[in-house]
C-alpha atoms as a PDB file:
ATOM      1  CA  UNK A   1       0.000   0.000   0.000  1.00  0.00           C
ATOM      2  CA  UNK A   2       1.272   3.474  -0.876  1.00  0.00           C
ATOM      3  CA  UNK A   3       1.307   6.535   1.343  1.00  0.00           C
ATOM      4  CA  UNK A   4      -1.571   8.108  -0.629  1.00  0.00           C
ATOM      5  CA  UNK A   5      -3.714   4.961  -0.492  1.00  0.00           C
ATOM      6  CA  UNK A   6      -3.234   4.684   3.254  1.00  0.00           C
ATOM      7  CA  UNK A   7      -4.150   8.339   3.751  1.00  0.00           C
ATOM      8  CA  UNK A   8      -7.336   7.975   1.705  1.00  0.00           C
ATOM      9  CA  UNK A   9      -8.531   4.777   3.360  1.00  0.00           C
ATOM     10  CA  UNK A  10      -7.678   5.893   6.875  1.00  0.00           C
ATOM     11  CA  UNK A  11      -9.319   9.292   6.342  1.00  0.00           C
ATOM     12  CA  UNK A  12     -12.578   7.588   5.413  1.00  0.00           C
ATOM     13  CA  UNK A  13     -12.303   5.284   8.436  1.00  0.00           C
ATOM     14  CA  UNK A  14     -11.755   8.168  10.848  1.00  0.00           C
ATOM     15  CA  UNK A  15     -14.483  10.297   9.283  1.00  0.00           C
ATOM     16  CA  UNK A  16     -17.057   7.535   9.787  1.00  0.00           C
ATOM     17  CA  UNK A  17     -16.164   7.495  13.478  1.00  0.00           C
ATOM     18  CA  UNK A  18     -16.732  11.206  13.933  1.00  0.00           C
ATOM     19  CA  UNK A  19     -13.111  12.331  14.108  1.00  0.00           C
ATOM     20  CA  UNK A  20     -12.669  15.953  13.039  1.00  0.00           C
ATOM     21  CA  UNK A  21     -10.210  16.790  10.244  1.00  0.00           C
ATOM     22  CA  UNK A  22      -9.634  13.088   9.476  1.00  0.00           C
ATOM     23  CA  UNK A  23      -7.115  13.607   6.671  1.00  0.00           C
ATOM     24  CA  UNK A  24      -4.975  15.903   8.791  1.00  0.00           C
ATOM     25  CA  UNK A  25      -5.124  13.383  11.631  1.00  0.00           C
ATOM     26  CA  UNK A  26      -3.889  10.463   9.535  1.00  0.00           C
ATOM     27  CA  UNK A  27      -1.182  12.586   7.937  1.00  0.00           C
ATOM     28  CA  UNK A  28       0.126  13.555  11.363  1.00  0.00           C
ATOM     29  CA  UNK A  29      -0.008   9.965  12.604  1.00  0.00           C
ATOM     30  CA  UNK A  30       1.767   8.683   9.496  1.00  0.00           C
ATOM     31  CA  UNK A  31       4.427  11.379   9.734  1.00  0.00           C
ATOM     32  CA  UNK A  32       4.935  10.384  13.378  1.00  0.00           C
ATOM     33  CA  UNK A  33       5.442   6.718  12.471  1.00  0.00           C
ATOM     34  CA  UNK A  34       7.749   7.494   9.545  1.00  0.00           C
ATOM     35  CA  UNK A  35       9.605  10.166  11.571  1.00  0.00           C
ATOM     36  CA  UNK A  36       9.125  12.704   8.793  1.00  0.00           C
ATOM     37  CA  UNK A  37       7.796  16.271   8.668  1.00  0.00           C
ATOM     38  CA  UNK A  38       4.161  16.030   7.580  1.00  0.00           C
ATOM     39  CA  UNK A  39       4.706  18.116   4.440  1.00  0.00           C
ATOM     40  CA  UNK A  40       7.295  15.614   3.183  1.00  0.00           C
ATOM     41  CA  UNK A  41       4.496  13.093   2.738  1.00  0.00           C
ATOM     42  CA  UNK A  42       3.283  15.177  -0.219  1.00  0.00           C
ATOM     43  CA  UNK A  43       6.605  14.609  -1.952  1.00  0.00           C
ATOM     44  CA  UNK A  44       6.395  10.846  -1.517  1.00  0.00           C
ATOM     45  CA  UNK A  45       2.754   9.848  -2.091  1.00  0.00           C
ATOM     46  CA  UNK A  46       3.734   6.827  -4.200  1.00  0.00           C
ATOM     47  CA  UNK A  47       6.124   5.408  -1.614  1.00  0.00           C
ATOM     48  CA  UNK A  48       5.270   1.862  -0.664  1.00  0.00           C
ATOM     49  CA  UNK A  49       4.887   1.125   3.040  1.00  0.00           C
ATOM     50  CA  UNK A  50       6.331  -1.945   4.711  1.00  0.00           C
ATOM     51  CA  UNK A  51       4.133  -4.309   6.707  1.00  0.00           C
ATOM     52  CA  UNK A  52       5.810  -3.122   9.877  1.00  0.00           C
ATOM     53  CA  UNK A  53       5.003   0.508   9.034  1.00  0.00           C
ATOM     54  CA  UNK A  54       1.417  -0.381   8.109  1.00  0.00           C
ATOM     55  CA  UNK A  55       0.894  -2.272  11.355  1.00  0.00           C
ATOM     56  CA  UNK A  56       2.236   0.638  13.374  1.00  0.00           C
ATOM     57  CA  UNK A  57      -0.029   3.147  11.612  1.00  0.00           C
ATOM     58  CA  UNK A  58      -3.095   0.911  11.880  1.00  0.00           C
ATOM     59  CA  UNK A  59      -2.589   0.588  15.626  1.00  0.00           C
ATOM     60  CA  UNK A  60      -2.450   4.354  16.041  1.00  0.00           C
ATOM     61  CA  UNK A  61      -5.415   4.946  13.719  1.00  0.00           C
ATOM     62  CA  UNK A  62      -7.547   2.563  15.805  1.00  0.00           C
ATOM     63  CA  UNK A  63      -6.629   4.508  18.936  1.00  0.00           C
ATOM     64  CA  UNK A  64      -7.595   7.774  17.243  1.00  0.00           C
ATOM     65  CA  UNK A  65     -10.847   6.233  16.017  1.00  0.00           C
ATOM     66  CA  UNK A  66     -11.599   5.383  19.649  1.00  0.00           C
ATOM     67  CA  UNK A  67     -11.302   9.172  20.194  1.00  0.00           C
ATOM     68  CA  UNK A  68      -8.025   9.135  22.073  1.00  0.00           C
ATOM     69  CA  UNK A  69      -6.468  12.579  21.524  1.00  0.00           C
ATOM     70  CA  UNK A  70      -3.845  12.783  18.809  1.00  0.00           C
ATOM     71  CA  UNK A  71      -1.423  14.499  21.189  1.00  0.00           C
ATOM     72  CA  UNK A  72      -1.607  11.619  23.669  1.00  0.00           C
ATOM     73  CA  UNK A  73      -0.988   9.127  20.874  1.00  0.00           C
ATOM     74  CA  UNK A  74       2.108  10.924  19.605  1.00  0.00           C
ATOM     75  CA  UNK A  75       3.119  11.944  23.137  1.00  0.00           C
ATOM     76  CA  UNK A  76       3.857  15.557  22.258  1.00  0.00           C
ATOM     77  CA  UNK A  77       2.391  18.878  21.194  1.00  0.00           C
ATOM     78  CA  UNK A  78       3.636  22.316  20.182  1.00  0.00           C
ATOM     79  CA  UNK A  79       2.859  25.358  22.323  1.00  0.00           C
ATOM     80  CA  UNK A  80       4.233  28.875  21.801  1.00  0.00           C
ATOM     81  CA  UNK A  81       6.867  27.417  19.502  1.00  0.00           C
ATOM     82  CA  UNK A  82       8.191  24.864  21.986  1.00  0.00           C
ATOM     83  CA  UNK A  83       7.634  21.111  22.013  1.00  0.00           C
ATOM     84  CA  UNK A  84       6.074  19.611  25.117  1.00  0.00           C
ATOM     85  CA  UNK A  85       5.506  16.079  26.310  1.00  0.00           C
ATOM     86  CA  UNK A  86       1.842  15.392  27.064  1.00  0.00           C
ATOM     87  CA  UNK A  87      -0.078  12.395  28.352  1.00  0.00           C
ATOM     88  CA  UNK A  88      -3.185  11.459  30.337  1.00  0.00           C
ATOM     89  CA  UNK A  89      -1.794  13.127  33.478  1.00  0.00           C
ATOM     90  CA  UNK A  90      -2.043  16.616  31.963  1.00  0.00           C
ATOM     91  CA  UNK A  91      -4.438  18.775  30.017  1.00  0.00           C
ATOM     92  CA  UNK A  92      -3.414  19.282  26.396  1.00  0.00           C
ATOM     93  CA  UNK A  93      -2.382  22.963  25.975  1.00  0.00           C
ATOM     94  CA  UNK A  94      -4.889  24.940  23.912  1.00  0.00           C
ATOM     95  CA  UNK A  95      -4.199  27.759  21.436  1.00  0.00           C
ATOM     96  CA  UNK A  96      -6.267  30.107  23.630  1.00  0.00           C
ATOM     97  CA  UNK A  97      -3.732  29.710  26.424  1.00  0.00           C
ATOM     98  CA  UNK A  98      -1.037  31.069  24.115  1.00  0.00           C
ATOM     99  CA  UNK A  99      -2.872  34.403  24.416  1.00  0.00           C
ATOM    100  CA  UNK A 100      -2.322  34.279  28.175  1.00  0.00           C
ATOM    101  CA  UNK A 101       1.374  33.660  27.605  1.00  0.00           C
ATOM    102  CA  UNK A 102       1.565  36.566  25.153  1.00  0.00           C
ATOM    103  CA  UNK A 103       0.107  38.904  27.777  1.00  0.00           C
ATOM    104  CA  UNK A 104       2.633  37.613  30.327  1.00  0.00           C
ATOM    105  CA  UNK A 105       5.437  38.186  27.821  1.00  0.00           C
ATOM    106  CA  UNK A 106       4.224  41.742  27.178  1.00  0.00           C
ATOM    107  CA  UNK A 107       4.079  42.572  30.881  1.00  0.00           C
ATOM    108  CA  UNK A 108       7.452  41.068  31.734  1.00  0.00           C
ATOM    109  CA  UNK A 109       9.071  42.580  28.663  1.00  0.00           C
ATOM    110  CA  UNK A 110       8.033  46.053  29.799  1.00  0.00           C
ATOM    111  CA  UNK A 111       8.980  45.465  33.409  1.00  0.00           C
ATOM    112  CA  UNK A 112      11.727  47.680  34.745  1.00  0.00           C
ATOM    113  CA  UNK A 113      12.540  45.064  37.374  1.00  0.00           C
ATOM    114  CA  UNK A 114      15.877  43.426  36.486  1.00  0.00           C
ATOM    115  CA  UNK A 115      14.791  40.154  38.091  1.00  0.00           C
ATOM    116  CA  UNK A 116      10.993  39.840  38.096  1.00  0.00           C
ATOM    117  CA  UNK A 117       9.218  36.826  39.630  1.00  0.00           C
ATOM    118  CA  UNK A 118       6.257  34.936  38.187  1.00  0.00           C
ATOM    119  CA  UNK A 119       4.029  32.233  39.638  1.00  0.00           C
ATOM    120  CA  UNK A 120       2.038  29.808  37.480  1.00  0.00           C
ATOM    121  CA  UNK A 121      -0.833  28.398  39.542  1.00  0.00           C
ATOM    122  CA  UNK A 122      -2.082  25.007  38.300  1.00  0.00           C
ATOM    123  CA  UNK A 123       0.781  24.468  35.882  1.00  0.00           C
ATOM    124  CA  UNK A 124      -0.243  21.073  34.437  1.00  0.00           C
ATOM    125  CA  UNK A 125       2.188  20.269  31.633  1.00  0.00           C
ATOM    126  CA  UNK A 126       4.200  23.352  32.594  1.00  0.00           C
ATOM    127  CA  UNK A 127       3.356  25.000  29.284  1.00  0.00           C
ATOM    128  CA  UNK A 128       2.872  28.566  30.570  1.00  0.00           C
ATOM    129  CA  UNK A 129       5.807  28.524  32.997  1.00  0.00           C
ATOM    130  CA  UNK A 130       8.181  26.998  30.461  1.00  0.00           C
ATOM    131  CA  UNK A 131       7.127  29.343  27.638  1.00  0.00           C
ATOM    132  CA  UNK A 132       7.885  32.311  29.897  1.00  0.00           C
ATOM    133  CA  UNK A 133      11.159  30.876  31.214  1.00  0.00           C
ATOM    134  CA  UNK A 134      12.307  30.110  27.676  1.00  0.00           C
ATOM    135  CA  UNK A 135      11.711  33.678  26.494  1.00  0.00           C
ATOM    136  CA  UNK A 136      12.907  35.422  29.658  1.00  0.00           C
ATOM    137  CA  UNK A 137      15.698  33.471  31.401  1.00  0.00           C
ATOM    138  CA  UNK A 138      16.124  36.395  33.832  1.00  0.00           C
ATOM    139  CA  UNK A 139      12.628  35.815  35.264  1.00  0.00           C
ATOM    140  CA  UNK A 140      12.333  33.651  38.352  1.00  0.00           C
ATOM    141  CA  UNK A 141       9.493  31.266  37.492  1.00  0.00           C
ATOM    142  CA  UNK A 142       7.709  29.118  40.069  1.00  0.00           C
ATOM    143  CA  UNK A 143       4.850  26.758  39.331  1.00  0.00           C
ATOM    144  CA  UNK A 144       2.325  24.941  41.503  1.00  0.00           C
ATOM    145  CA  UNK A 145       0.070  21.973  40.803  1.00  0.00           C
ATOM    146  CA  UNK A 146      -1.971  19.664  42.987  1.00  0.00           C
ATOM    147  CA  UNK A 147      -1.096  16.605  40.876  1.00  0.00           C
ATOM    148  CA  UNK A 148       2.242  14.849  41.412  1.00  0.00           C
ATOM    149  CA  UNK A 149       1.785  13.059  38.077  1.00  0.00           C
ATOM    150  CA  UNK A 150       1.318  16.372  36.270  1.00  0.00           C
ATOM    151  CA  UNK A 151       4.399  17.815  37.964  1.00  0.00           C
ATOM    152  CA  UNK A 152       6.480  14.868  36.771  1.00  0.00           C
ATOM    153  CA  UNK A 153       5.487  15.726  33.197  1.00  0.00           C
ATOM    154  CA  UNK A 154       6.127  19.444  33.792  1.00  0.00           C
ATOM    155  CA  UNK A 155       9.609  18.807  35.189  1.00  0.00           C
ATOM    156  CA  UNK A 156      10.440  16.624  32.193  1.00  0.00           C
ATOM    157  CA  UNK A 157       9.246  19.386  29.876  1.00  0.00           C
ATOM    158  CA  UNK A 158      11.346  22.011  31.648  1.00  0.00           C
ATOM    159  CA  UNK A 159      14.417  19.795  31.323  1.00  0.00           C
ATOM    160  CA  UNK A 160      13.583  19.010  27.708  1.00  0.00           C
ATOM    161  CA  UNK A 161      13.478  22.722  26.885  1.00  0.00           C
ATOM    162  CA  UNK A 162      16.485  23.611  29.064  1.00  0.00           C
ATOM    163  CA  UNK A 163      14.525  26.062  31.199  1.00  0.00           C
ATOM    164  CA  UNK A 164      14.715  26.876  34.903  1.00  0.00           C
ATOM    165  CA  UNK A 165      11.359  26.518  36.668  1.00  0.00           C
ATOM    166  CA  UNK A 166      10.849  25.780  40.358  1.00  0.00           C
ATOM    167  CA  UNK A 167       7.961  23.350  40.780  1.00  0.00           C
ATOM    168  CA  UNK A 168       5.887  22.809  43.924  1.00  0.00           C
ATOM    169  CA  UNK A 169       3.116  20.361  44.748  1.00  0.00           C
ATOM    170  CA  UNK A 170      -0.011  21.669  46.447  1.00  0.00           C
ATOM    171  CA  UNK A 171      -2.877  24.116  46.253  1.00  0.00           C
ATOM    172  CA  UNK A 172      -1.366  26.731  48.552  1.00  0.00           C
ATOM    173  CA  UNK A 173       0.064  29.952  47.131  1.00  0.00           C
ATOM    174  CA  UNK A 174       2.399  30.203  50.098  1.00  0.00           C
ATOM    175  CA  UNK A 175       4.225  27.102  48.828  1.00  0.00           C
ATOM    176  CA  UNK A 176       5.164  28.847  45.601  1.00  0.00           C
ATOM    177  CA  UNK A 177       8.770  29.713  46.307  1.00  0.00           C
ATOM    178  CA  UNK A 178      10.407  33.156  46.423  1.00  0.00           C
ATOM    179  CA  UNK A 179       7.825  35.831  47.130  1.00  0.00           C
ATOM    180  CA  UNK A 180       6.325  38.295  46.454  1.00  0.00           C
ATOM    181  CA  UNK A 181       5.538  37.757  42.762  1.00  0.00           C
ATOM    182  CA  UNK A 182       5.340  40.475  40.151  1.00  0.00           C
ATOM    183  CA  UNK A 183       3.033  38.371  38.029  1.00  0.00           C
ATOM    184  CA  UNK A 184       0.640  35.540  38.857  1.00  0.00           C
ATOM    185  CA  UNK A 185      -0.855  33.583  35.970  1.00  0.00           C
ATOM    186  CA  UNK A 186      -3.311  30.720  35.911  1.00  0.00           C
ATOM    187  CA  UNK A 187      -5.352  28.614  33.537  1.00  0.00           C
ATOM    188  CA  UNK A 188      -7.509  26.932  36.189  1.00  0.00           C
ATOM    189  CA  UNK A 189     -10.201  24.288  35.674  1.00  0.00           C
ATOM    190  CA  UNK A 190     -13.297  26.240  34.608  1.00  0.00           C
ATOM    191  CA  UNK A 191     -15.824  23.789  33.131  1.00  0.00           C
ATOM    192  CA  UNK A 192     -18.991  23.603  35.263  1.00  0.00           C
ATOM    193  CA  UNK A 193     -19.290  20.118  36.776  1.00  0.00           C
ATOM    194  CA  UNK A 194     -22.564  19.284  35.031  1.00  0.00           C
ATOM    195  CA  UNK A 195     -21.095  20.154  31.614  1.00  0.00           C
ATOM    196  CA  UNK A 196     -18.070  17.846  31.748  1.00  0.00           C
ATOM    197  CA  UNK A 197     -20.113  14.841  30.570  1.00  0.00           C
ATOM    198  CA  UNK A 198     -21.194  16.742  27.435  1.00  0.00           C
ATOM    199  CA  UNK A 199     -17.657  17.518  26.264  1.00  0.00           C
ATOM    200  CA  UNK A 200     -16.112  15.850  23.209  1.00  0.00           C
ATOM    201  CA  UNK A 201     -15.016  12.248  23.884  1.00  0.00           C
ATOM    202  CA  UNK A 202     -11.378  13.237  23.441  1.00  0.00           C
ATOM    203  CA  UNK A 203     -11.721  15.587  26.405  1.00  0.00           C
ATOM    204  CA  UNK A 204     -14.369  13.870  28.537  1.00  0.00           C
ATOM    205  CA  UNK A 205     -12.918  10.369  28.384  1.00  0.00           C
ATOM    206  CA  UNK A 206      -9.192  11.039  28.266  1.00  0.00           C
ATOM    207  CA  UNK A 207      -8.094  14.348  29.791  1.00  0.00           C
ATOM    208  CA  UNK A 208      -7.780  14.555  33.596  1.00  0.00           C
ATOM    209  CA  UNK A 209     -11.057  15.656  35.181  1.00  0.00           C
ATOM    210  CA  UNK A 210      -9.192  17.520  37.912  1.00  0.00           C
ATOM    211  CA  UNK A 211      -7.866  19.848  35.199  1.00  0.00           C
ATOM    212  CA  UNK A 212     -11.335  20.417  33.724  1.00  0.00           C
ATOM    213  CA  UNK A 213     -13.922  20.518  36.510  1.00  0.00           C
ATOM    214  CA  UNK A 214     -14.302  23.990  37.966  1.00  0.00           C
ATOM    215  CA  UNK A 215     -17.123  23.165  40.357  1.00  0.00           C
ATOM    216  CA  UNK A 216     -20.842  23.883  40.136  1.00  0.00           C
ATOM    217  CA  UNK A 217     -20.493  27.133  38.173  1.00  0.00           C
ATOM    218  CA  UNK A 218     -16.939  26.669  36.886  1.00  0.00           C
ATOM    219  CA  UNK A 219     -15.594  29.427  39.139  1.00  0.00           C
ATOM    220  CA  UNK A 220     -14.481  27.454  42.206  1.00  0.00           C
ATOM    221  CA  UNK A 221     -10.765  27.854  41.475  1.00  0.00           C
ATOM    222  CA  UNK A 222     -11.208  31.496  40.507  1.00  0.00           C
ATOM    223  CA  UNK A 223     -12.640  32.146  43.973  1.00  0.00           C
ATOM    224  CA  UNK A 224      -9.592  30.489  45.504  1.00  0.00           C
ATOM    225  CA  UNK A 225      -7.208  32.521  43.331  1.00  0.00           C
ATOM    226  CA  UNK A 226      -9.022  35.796  44.020  1.00  0.00           C
ATOM    227  CA  UNK A 227      -8.980  35.175  47.763  1.00  0.00           C
ATOM    228  CA  UNK A 228      -5.557  33.616  48.318  1.00  0.00           C
ATOM    229  CA  UNK A 229      -3.198  35.185  45.764  1.00  0.00           C
ATOM    230  CA  UNK A 230      -3.067  38.825  47.023  1.00  0.00           C
ATOM    231  CA  UNK A 231      -0.833  37.886  49.955  1.00  0.00           C
ATOM    232  CA  UNK A 232       1.975  36.903  47.592  1.00  0.00           C
ATOM    233  CA  UNK A 233       1.584  39.635  44.958  1.00  0.00           C
ATOM    234  CA  UNK A 234       4.170  42.431  44.855  1.00  0.00           C
ATOM    235  CA  UNK A 235       3.226  46.105  44.765  1.00  0.00           C
ATOM    236  CA  UNK A 236       2.423  46.973  41.172  1.00  0.00           C
ATOM    237  CA  UNK A 237       2.018  43.299  40.308  1.00  0.00           C
ATOM    238  CA  UNK A 238      -0.636  41.822  38.056  1.00  0.00           C
ATOM    239  CA  UNK A 239      -2.845  38.774  37.902  1.00  0.00           C
ATOM    240  CA  UNK A 240      -3.714  37.133  34.579  1.00  0.00           C
ATOM    241  CA  UNK A 241      -6.173  34.246  34.334  1.00  0.00           C
ATOM    242  CA  UNK A 242      -7.930  32.316  31.597  1.00  0.00           C
ATOM    243  CA  UNK A 243     -11.731  32.150  31.592  1.00  0.00           C
ATOM    244  CA  UNK A 244     -14.276  29.732  30.177  1.00  0.00           C
ATOM    245  CA  UNK A 245     -16.921  30.622  27.608  1.00  0.00           C
ATOM    246  CA  UNK A 246     -19.448  33.136  28.918  1.00  0.00           C
ATOM    247  CA  UNK A 247     -17.753  33.548  32.304  1.00  0.00           C
ATOM    248  CA  UNK A 248     -16.370  37.077  31.944  1.00  0.00           C
ATOM    249  CA  UNK A 249     -19.025  38.956  33.928  1.00  0.00           C
ATOM    250  CA  UNK A 250     -19.390  36.395  36.730  1.00  0.00           C
ATOM    251  CA  UNK A 251     -15.621  35.927  37.026  1.00  0.00           C
ATOM    252  CA  UNK A 252     -15.069  39.677  37.083  1.00  0.00           C
ATOM    253  CA  UNK A 253     -17.515  39.959  39.976  1.00  0.00           C
ATOM    254  CA  UNK A 254     -15.607  37.251  41.863  1.00  0.00           C
ATOM    255  CA  UNK A 255     -12.365  39.231  41.612  1.00  0.00           C
ATOM    256  CA  UNK A 256     -13.911  42.626  42.351  1.00  0.00           C
ATOM    257  CA  UNK A 257     -15.581  41.188  45.454  1.00  0.00           C
ATOM    258  CA  UNK A 258     -12.124  40.220  46.755  1.00  0.00           C
ATOM    259  CA  UNK A 259     -10.697  43.694  46.196  1.00  0.00           C
ATOM    260  CA  UNK A 260      -9.225  43.323  42.719  1.00  0.00           C
ATOM    261  CA  UNK A 261      -9.403  46.000  40.046  1.00  0.00           C
ATOM    262  CA  UNK A 262     -10.171  44.314  36.714  1.00  0.00           C
ATOM    263  CA  UNK A 263      -8.196  46.174  34.041  1.00  0.00           C
ATOM    264  CA  UNK A 264      -9.410  44.291  31.007  1.00  0.00           C
ATOM    265  CA  UNK A 265     -10.892  41.085  29.669  1.00  0.00           C
ATOM    266  CA  UNK A 266      -9.351  40.192  26.321  1.00  0.00           C
ATOM    267  CA  UNK A 267     -11.008  38.109  23.580  1.00  0.00           C
ATOM    268  CA  UNK A 268      -9.625  34.943  22.030  1.00  0.00           C
ATOM    269  CA  UNK A 269      -9.450  34.195  18.298  1.00  0.00           C
ATOM    270  CA  UNK A 270     -13.207  33.559  18.119  1.00  0.00           C
ATOM    271  CA  UNK A 271     -14.139  36.711  20.012  1.00  0.00           C
ATOM    272  CA  UNK A 272     -14.888  34.961  23.312  1.00  0.00           C
ATOM    273  CA  UNK A 273     -13.827  36.938  26.407  1.00  0.00           C
ATOM    274  CA  UNK A 274     -10.904  34.786  27.533  1.00  0.00           C
ATOM    275  CA  UNK A 275      -8.072  36.528  29.451  1.00  0.00           C
ATOM    276  CA  UNK A 276      -8.816  38.570  32.594  1.00  0.00           C
ATOM    277  CA  UNK A 277      -6.111  40.962  33.785  1.00  0.00           C
ATOM    278  CA  UNK A 278      -6.336  42.548  37.236  1.00  0.00           C
ATOM    279  CA  UNK A 279      -4.312  44.328  39.903  1.00  0.00           C
ATOM    280  CA  UNK A 280      -4.763  45.285  43.555  1.00  0.00           C
END
């Protein structure tokens, strides 16, 4: 079987099982097996595949057809231009979270502090902390997560990208290392509990619920952040958090109630209010 034949047949198979962008999915899986850049497949459509290669691709295609996320199958994803290891212990980084990183970059880049400090609360794969540490080696970056399994992945990612991040296990801001912090960032769980079961199978059945479930209204962790983070924020510091769909007004009220001044709520690529920025 040639590369093109495999792509066509597998695309049809995945499409029948409700997988979005089936051709792209099989191309990425095939490129992973062949250890080639995806675009090189287009230069070699008539290449014949060995039985060993076919068996390897078929195994991965069956996993994708069962709605296991592509990133878990390949074991990696790209975020802010860096490659990260991902697996069932961590949430797969989303493009929307890159907007949060961009705002952190902008703030730290303008900072007159020669050695600013940043805390990433609920770091997961470490994507935010590592993206900041990679761009600004002068920034002291600490990261907290409640999951030891997630922290193991985050530490591996920091090492993989040759970045310095201090990781801590827990849910307590006081455990976050050198304080106070000039910037606190967080992409907390924000899906309301009763909506988790209605998510896509890739998310509902495979990603860690602890990284998704934000309590009855999706704002449980935002209440914790709003209440507990001021004690470790430096004068002139900022807080930046990611919000779920339709949460901007309710989340803003949570922060204002705890004494925060909400500067702005920025939209994502689809126009959804996504990034809340506040100060004391």
